[in-house]
PDB file of N, CA and C in Angstrom:
ATOM      1  N   UNK A   1      -5.503  -1.134  18.445  1.00  0.00           N
ATOM      2  CA  UNK A   1      -5.481  -1.146  16.994  1.00  0.00           C
ATOM      3  C   UNK A   1      -4.292  -0.362  16.473  1.00  0.00           C
ATOM      4  N   UNK A   2      -3.872   0.653  17.206  1.00  0.00           N
ATOM      5  CA  UNK A   2      -2.758   1.485  16.772  1.00  0.00           C
ATOM      6  C   UNK A   2      -1.474   0.656  16.629  1.00  0.00           C
ATOM      7  N   UNK A   3      -1.254  -0.274  17.550  1.00  0.00           N
ATOM      8  CA  UNK A   3      -0.057  -1.112  17.497  1.00  0.00           C
ATOM      9  C   UNK A   3      -0.093  -2.005  16.263  1.00  0.00           C
ATOM     10  N   UNK A   4      -1.244  -2.573  15.958  1.00  0.00           N
ATOM     11  CA  UNK A   4      -1.355  -3.425  14.773  1.00  0.00           C
ATOM     12  C   UNK A   4      -1.107  -2.637  13.495  1.00  0.00           C
ATOM     13  N   UNK A   5      -1.596  -1.419  13.442  1.00  0.00           N
ATOM     14  CA  UNK A   5      -1.356  -0.579  12.266  1.00  0.00           C
ATOM     15  C   UNK A   5       0.128  -0.264  12.125  1.00  0.00           C
ATOM     16  N   UNK A   6       0.793  -0.014  13.237  1.00  0.00           N
ATOM     17  CA  UNK A   6       2.226   0.268  13.207  1.00  0.00           C
ATOM     18  C   UNK A   6       3.010  -0.948  12.740  1.00  0.00           C
ATOM     19  N   UNK A   7       2.663  -2.110  13.252  1.00  0.00           N
ATOM     20  CA  UNK A   7       3.335  -3.345  12.838  1.00  0.00           C
ATOM     21  C   UNK A   7       3.099  -3.601  11.355  1.00  0.00           C
ATOM     22  N   UNK A   8       1.885  -3.374  10.893  1.00  0.00           N
ATOM     23  CA  UNK A   8       1.582  -3.541   9.473  1.00  0.00           C
ATOM     24  C   UNK A   8       2.386  -2.591   8.607  1.00  0.00           C
ATOM     25  N   UNK A   9       2.515  -1.347   9.063  1.00  0.00           N
ATOM     26  CA  UNK A   9       3.302  -0.358   8.321  1.00  0.00           C
ATOM     27  C   UNK A   9       4.774  -0.764   8.283  1.00  0.00           C
ATOM     28  N   UNK A  10       5.300  -1.228   9.405  1.00  0.00           N
ATOM     29  CA  UNK A  10       6.692  -1.675   9.445  1.00  0.00           C
ATOM     30  C   UNK A  10       6.923  -2.852   8.505  1.00  0.00           C
ATOM     31  N   UNK A  11       5.990  -3.796   8.501  1.00  0.00           N
ATOM     32  CA  UNK A  11       6.120  -4.956   7.618  1.00  0.00           C
ATOM     33  C   UNK A  11       6.080  -4.535   6.154  1.00  0.00           C
ATOM     34  N   UNK A  12       5.193  -3.619   5.816  1.00  0.00           N
ATOM     35  CA  UNK A  12       5.075  -3.153   4.436  1.00  0.00           C
ATOM     36  C   UNK A  12       6.351  -2.416   4.002  1.00  0.00           C
ATOM     37  N   UNK A  13       6.897  -1.589   4.872  1.00  0.00           N
ATOM     38  CA  UNK A  13       8.118  -0.853   4.563  1.00  0.00           C
ATOM     39  C   UNK A  13       9.299  -1.805   4.412  1.00  0.00           C
ATOM     40  N   UNK A  14       9.370  -2.797   5.288  1.00  0.00           N
ATOM     41  CA  UNK A  14      10.441  -3.797   5.214  1.00  0.00           C
ATOM     42  C   UNK A  14      10.354  -4.585   3.912  1.00  0.00           C
ATOM     43  N   UNK A  15       9.158  -4.988   3.538  1.00  0.00           N
ATOM     44  CA  UNK A  15       8.952  -5.738   2.296  1.00  0.00           C
ATOM     45  C   UNK A  15       9.378  -4.912   1.085  1.00  0.00           C
ATOM     46  N   UNK A  16       9.050  -3.628   1.078  1.00  0.00           N
ATOM     47  CA  UNK A  16       9.439  -2.747  -0.029  1.00  0.00           C
ATOM     48  C   UNK A  16      10.957  -2.577  -0.086  1.00  0.00           C
ATOM     49  N   UNK A  17      11.601  -2.458   1.071  1.00  0.00           N
ATOM     50  CA  UNK A  17      13.060  -2.320   1.105  1.00  0.00           C
ATOM     51  C   UNK A  17      13.739  -3.574   0.576  1.00  0.00           C
ATOM     52  N   UNK A  18      13.207  -4.734   0.947  1.00  0.00           N
ATOM     53  CA  UNK A  18      13.781  -5.989   0.443  1.00  0.00           C
ATOM     54  C   UNK A  18      13.597  -6.112  -1.061  1.00  0.00           C
ATOM     55  N   UNK A  19      12.460  -5.683  -1.574  1.00  0.00           N
ATOM     56  CA  UNK A  19      12.218  -5.739  -3.020  1.00  0.00           C
ATOM     57  C   UNK A  19      13.176  -4.807  -3.757  1.00  0.00           C
ATOM     58  N   UNK A  20      13.384  -3.603  -3.216  1.00  0.00           N
ATOM     59  CA  UNK A  20      14.340  -2.674  -3.838  1.00  0.00           C
ATOM     60  C   UNK A  20      15.744  -3.256  -3.829  1.00  0.00           C
ATOM     61  N   UNK A  21      16.126  -3.861  -2.717  1.00  0.00           N
ATOM     62  CA  UNK A  21      17.458  -4.446  -2.605  1.00  0.00           C
ATOM     63  C   UNK A  21      17.625  -5.600  -3.596  1.00  0.00           C
ATOM     64  N   UNK A  22      16.610  -6.434  -3.735  1.00  0.00           N
ATOM     65  CA  UNK A  22      16.679  -7.548  -4.688  1.00  0.00           C
ATOM     66  C   UNK A  22      16.790  -7.037  -6.117  1.00  0.00           C
ATOM     67  N   UNK A  23      16.063  -5.980  -6.439  1.00  0.00           N
ATOM     68  CA  UNK A  23      16.139  -5.391  -7.780  1.00  0.00           C
ATOM     69  C   UNK A  23      17.531  -4.837  -8.036  1.00  0.00           C
ATOM     70  N   UNK A  24      18.070  -4.123  -7.060  1.00  0.00           N
ATOM     71  CA  UNK A  24      19.414  -3.566  -7.223  1.00  0.00           C
ATOM     72  C   UNK A  24      20.443  -4.671  -7.402  1.00  0.00           C
ATOM     73  N   UNK A  25      20.325  -5.748  -6.619  1.00  0.00           N
ATOM     74  CA  UNK A  25      21.255  -6.877  -6.772  1.00  0.00           C
ATOM     75  C   UNK A  25      21.165  -7.474  -8.159  1.00  0.00           C
ATOM     76  N   UNK A  26      19.940  -7.631  -8.673  1.00  0.00           N
ATOM     77  CA  UNK A  26      19.755  -8.218 -10.000  1.00  0.00           C
ATOM     78  C   UNK A  26      20.362  -7.326 -11.077  1.00  0.00           C
ATOM     79  N   UNK A  27      20.147  -6.027 -10.975  1.00  0.00           N
ATOM     80  CA  UNK A  27      20.673  -5.108 -11.990  1.00  0.00           C
ATOM     81  C   UNK A  27      22.191  -5.025 -11.912  1.00  0.00           C
ATOM     82  N   UNK A  28      22.739  -4.971 -10.704  1.00  0.00           N
ATOM     83  CA  UNK A  28      24.195  -4.873 -10.591  1.00  0.00           C
ATOM     84  C   UNK A  28      24.897  -6.163 -10.977  1.00  0.00           C
ATOM     85  N   UNK A  29      24.169  -7.270 -11.060  1.00  0.00           N
ATOM     86  CA  UNK A  29      24.790  -8.518 -11.506  1.00  0.00           C
ATOM     87  C   UNK A  29      24.898  -8.582 -13.031  1.00  0.00           C
ATOM     88  N   UNK A  30      24.218  -7.667 -13.723  1.00  0.00           N
ATOM     89  CA  UNK A  30      24.303  -7.614 -15.182  1.00  0.00           C
ATOM     90  C   UNK A  30      25.655  -7.041 -15.598  1.00  0.00           C
ATOM     91  N   UNK A  31      26.109  -7.353 -16.821  1.00  0.00           N
ATOM     92  CA  UNK A  31      27.354  -6.749 -17.309  1.00  0.00           C
ATOM     93  C   UNK A  31      27.241  -5.223 -17.349  1.00  0.00           C
ATOM     94  N   UNK A  32      28.375  -4.553 -17.188  1.00  0.00           N
ATOM     95  CA  UNK A  32      28.411  -3.090 -17.165  1.00  0.00           C
ATOM     96  C   UNK A  32      27.789  -2.502 -18.428  1.00  0.00           C
ATOM     97  N   UNK A  33      28.030  -3.122 -19.572  1.00  0.00           N
ATOM     98  CA  UNK A  33      27.494  -2.605 -20.832  1.00  0.00           C
ATOM     99  C   UNK A  33      25.969  -2.590 -20.823  1.00  0.00           C
ATOM    100  N   UNK A  34      25.377  -3.647 -20.284  1.00  0.00           N
ATOM    101  CA  UNK A  34      23.911  -3.724 -20.209  1.00  0.00           C
ATOM    102  C   UNK A  34      23.391  -2.681 -19.222  1.00  0.00           C
ATOM    103  N   UNK A  35      24.088  -2.507 -18.107  1.00  0.00           N
ATOM    104  CA  UNK A  35      23.683  -1.491 -17.138  1.00  0.00           C
ATOM    105  C   UNK A  35      23.682  -0.108 -17.777  1.00  0.00           C
ATOM    106  N   UNK A  36      24.702   0.175 -18.579  1.00  0.00           N
ATOM    107  CA  UNK A  36      24.753   1.470 -19.269  1.00  0.00           C
ATOM    108  C   UNK A  36      23.605   1.596 -20.261  1.00  0.00           C
ATOM    109  N   UNK A  37      23.283   0.505 -20.968  1.00  0.00           N
ATOM    110  CA  UNK A  37      22.202   0.538 -21.952  1.00  0.00           C
ATOM    111  C   UNK A  37      20.853   0.859 -21.314  1.00  0.00           C
ATOM    112  N   UNK A  38      20.622   0.343 -20.118  1.00  0.00           N
ATOM    113  CA  UNK A  38      19.332   0.592 -19.468  1.00  0.00           C
ATOM    114  C   UNK A  38      19.354   1.869 -18.637  1.00  0.00           C
ATOM    115  N   UNK A  39      20.527   2.514 -18.579  1.00  0.00           N
ATOM    116  CA  UNK A  39      20.616   3.783 -17.859  1.00  0.00           C
ATOM    117  C   UNK A  39      20.747   3.641 -16.361  1.00  0.00           C
ATOM    118  N   UNK A  40      21.302   2.526 -15.922  1.00  0.00           N
ATOM    119  CA  UNK A  40      21.491   2.347 -14.487  1.00  0.00           C
ATOM    120  C   UNK A  40      22.517   3.372 -14.013  1.00  0.00           C
ATOM    121  N   UNK A  41      22.180   4.178 -13.012  1.00  0.00           N
ATOM    122  CA  UNK A  41      23.053   5.292 -12.628  1.00  0.00           C
ATOM    123  C   UNK A  41      24.381   4.872 -12.007  1.00  0.00           C
ATOM    124  N   UNK A  42      24.483   3.685 -11.478  1.00  0.00           N
ATOM    125  CA  UNK A  42      25.711   3.268 -10.805  1.00  0.00           C
ATOM    126  C   UNK A  42      26.590   2.400 -11.695  1.00  0.00           C
ATOM    127  N   UNK A  43      26.442   2.493 -13.005  1.00  0.00           N
ATOM    128  CA  UNK A  43      27.175   1.617 -13.910  1.00  0.00           C
ATOM    129  C   UNK A  43      28.678   1.829 -13.815  1.00  0.00           C
ATOM    130  N   UNK A  44      29.130   3.058 -13.592  1.00  0.00           N
ATOM    131  CA  UNK A  44      30.556   3.327 -13.519  1.00  0.00           C
ATOM    132  C   UNK A  44      31.135   3.063 -12.131  1.00  0.00           C
ATOM    133  N   UNK A  45      30.279   2.974 -11.151  1.00  0.00           N
ATOM    134  CA  UNK A  45      30.745   2.764  -9.783  1.00  0.00           C
ATOM    135  C   UNK A  45      31.279   1.344  -9.624  1.00  0.00           C
ATOM    136  N   UNK A  46      32.276   1.179  -8.805  1.00  0.00           N
ATOM    137  CA  UNK A  46      32.818  -0.158  -8.589  1.00  0.00           C
ATOM    138  C   UNK A  46      31.770  -1.027  -7.905  1.00  0.00           C
ATOM    139  N   UNK A  47      31.918  -2.311  -8.057  1.00  0.00           N
ATOM    140  CA  UNK A  47      30.936  -3.256  -7.511  1.00  0.00           C
ATOM    141  C   UNK A  47      31.275  -3.591  -6.062  1.00  0.00           C
ATOM    142  N   UNK A  48      30.990  -2.667  -5.181  1.00  0.00           N
ATOM    143  CA  UNK A  48      31.219  -2.860  -3.755  1.00  0.00           C
ATOM    144  C   UNK A  48      29.906  -3.318  -3.136  1.00  0.00           C
ATOM    145  N   UNK A  49      29.970  -4.383  -2.362  1.00  0.00           N
ATOM    146  CA  UNK A  49      28.765  -4.883  -1.711  1.00  0.00           C
ATOM    147  C   UNK A  49      28.532  -4.067  -0.446  1.00  0.00           C
ATOM    148  N   UNK A  50      27.365  -3.448  -0.357  1.00  0.00           N
ATOM    149  CA  UNK A  50      27.004  -2.641   0.799  1.00  0.00           C
ATOM    150  C   UNK A  50      26.010  -3.425   1.652  1.00  0.00           C
ATOM    151  N   UNK A  51      26.084  -3.269   2.952  1.00  0.00           N
ATOM    152  CA  UNK A  51      25.084  -3.922   3.802  1.00  0.00           C
ATOM    153  C   UNK A  51      23.705  -3.310   3.563  1.00  0.00           C
ATOM    154  N   UNK A  52      22.688  -4.067   3.869  1.00  0.00           N
ATOM    155  CA  UNK A  52      21.323  -3.553   3.731  1.00  0.00           C
ATOM    156  C   UNK A  52      21.166  -2.365   4.667  1.00  0.00           C
ATOM    157  N   UNK A  53      20.695  -1.265   4.116  1.00  0.00           N
ATOM    158  CA  UNK A  53      20.466  -0.094   4.943  1.00  0.00           C
ATOM    159  C   UNK A  53      19.105  -0.232   5.600  1.00  0.00           C
ATOM    160  N   UNK A  54      19.073  -0.012   6.896  1.00  0.00           N
ATOM    161  CA  UNK A  54      17.867  -0.275   7.654  1.00  0.00           C
ATOM    162  C   UNK A  54      16.736   0.672   7.305  1.00  0.00           C
ATOM    163  N   UNK A  55      17.008   1.945   7.146  1.00  0.00           N
ATOM    164  CA  UNK A  55      15.958   2.883   6.771  1.00  0.00           C
ATOM    165  C   UNK A  55      14.948   3.113   7.869  1.00  0.00           C
ATOM    166  N   UNK A  56      13.757   3.555   7.483  1.00  0.00           N
ATOM    167  CA  UNK A  56      12.763   3.960   8.473  1.00  0.00           C
ATOM    168  C   UNK A  56      12.138   2.792   9.205  1.00  0.00           C
ATOM    169  N   UNK A  57      12.128   1.598   8.633  1.00  0.00           N
ATOM    170  CA  UNK A  57      11.478   0.491   9.330  1.00  0.00           C
ATOM    171  C   UNK A  57      12.229   0.094  10.588  1.00  0.00           C
ATOM    172  N   UNK A  58      13.499   0.514  10.714  1.00  0.00           N
ATOM    173  CA  UNK A  58      14.259   0.189  11.917  1.00  0.00           C
ATOM    174  C   UNK A  58      14.303   1.364  12.889  1.00  0.00           C
ATOM    175  N   UNK A  59      13.545   2.380  12.602  1.00  0.00           N
ATOM    176  CA  UNK A  59      13.477   3.495  13.519  1.00  0.00           C
ATOM    177  C   UNK A  59      14.282   4.701  13.105  1.00  0.00           C
ATOM    178  N   UNK A  60      15.116   4.579  12.067  1.00  0.00           N
ATOM    179  CA  UNK A  60      15.891   5.733  11.611  1.00  0.00           C
ATOM    180  C   UNK A  60      15.015   6.677  10.807  1.00  0.00           C
ATOM    181  N   UNK A  61      15.110   7.943  11.071  1.00  0.00           N
ATOM    182  CA  UNK A  61      14.300   8.916  10.332  1.00  0.00           C
ATOM    183  C   UNK A  61      15.130  10.056   9.876  1.00  0.00           C
TER     184      UNK A  61
END
């Protein structure tokens, strides 16, 4: 049962990371003015595409 719980936790963490990444992509696709209006913290940063960061679901802690 421990293995199934671990797999479930990994799947849940992966799903949350993908949702965060999709949200960030959607917000960064908005015009800079709109990003500033909603208080997006990276509005002044250049639009550099970063690879998906693996995070804890890939074993990094």
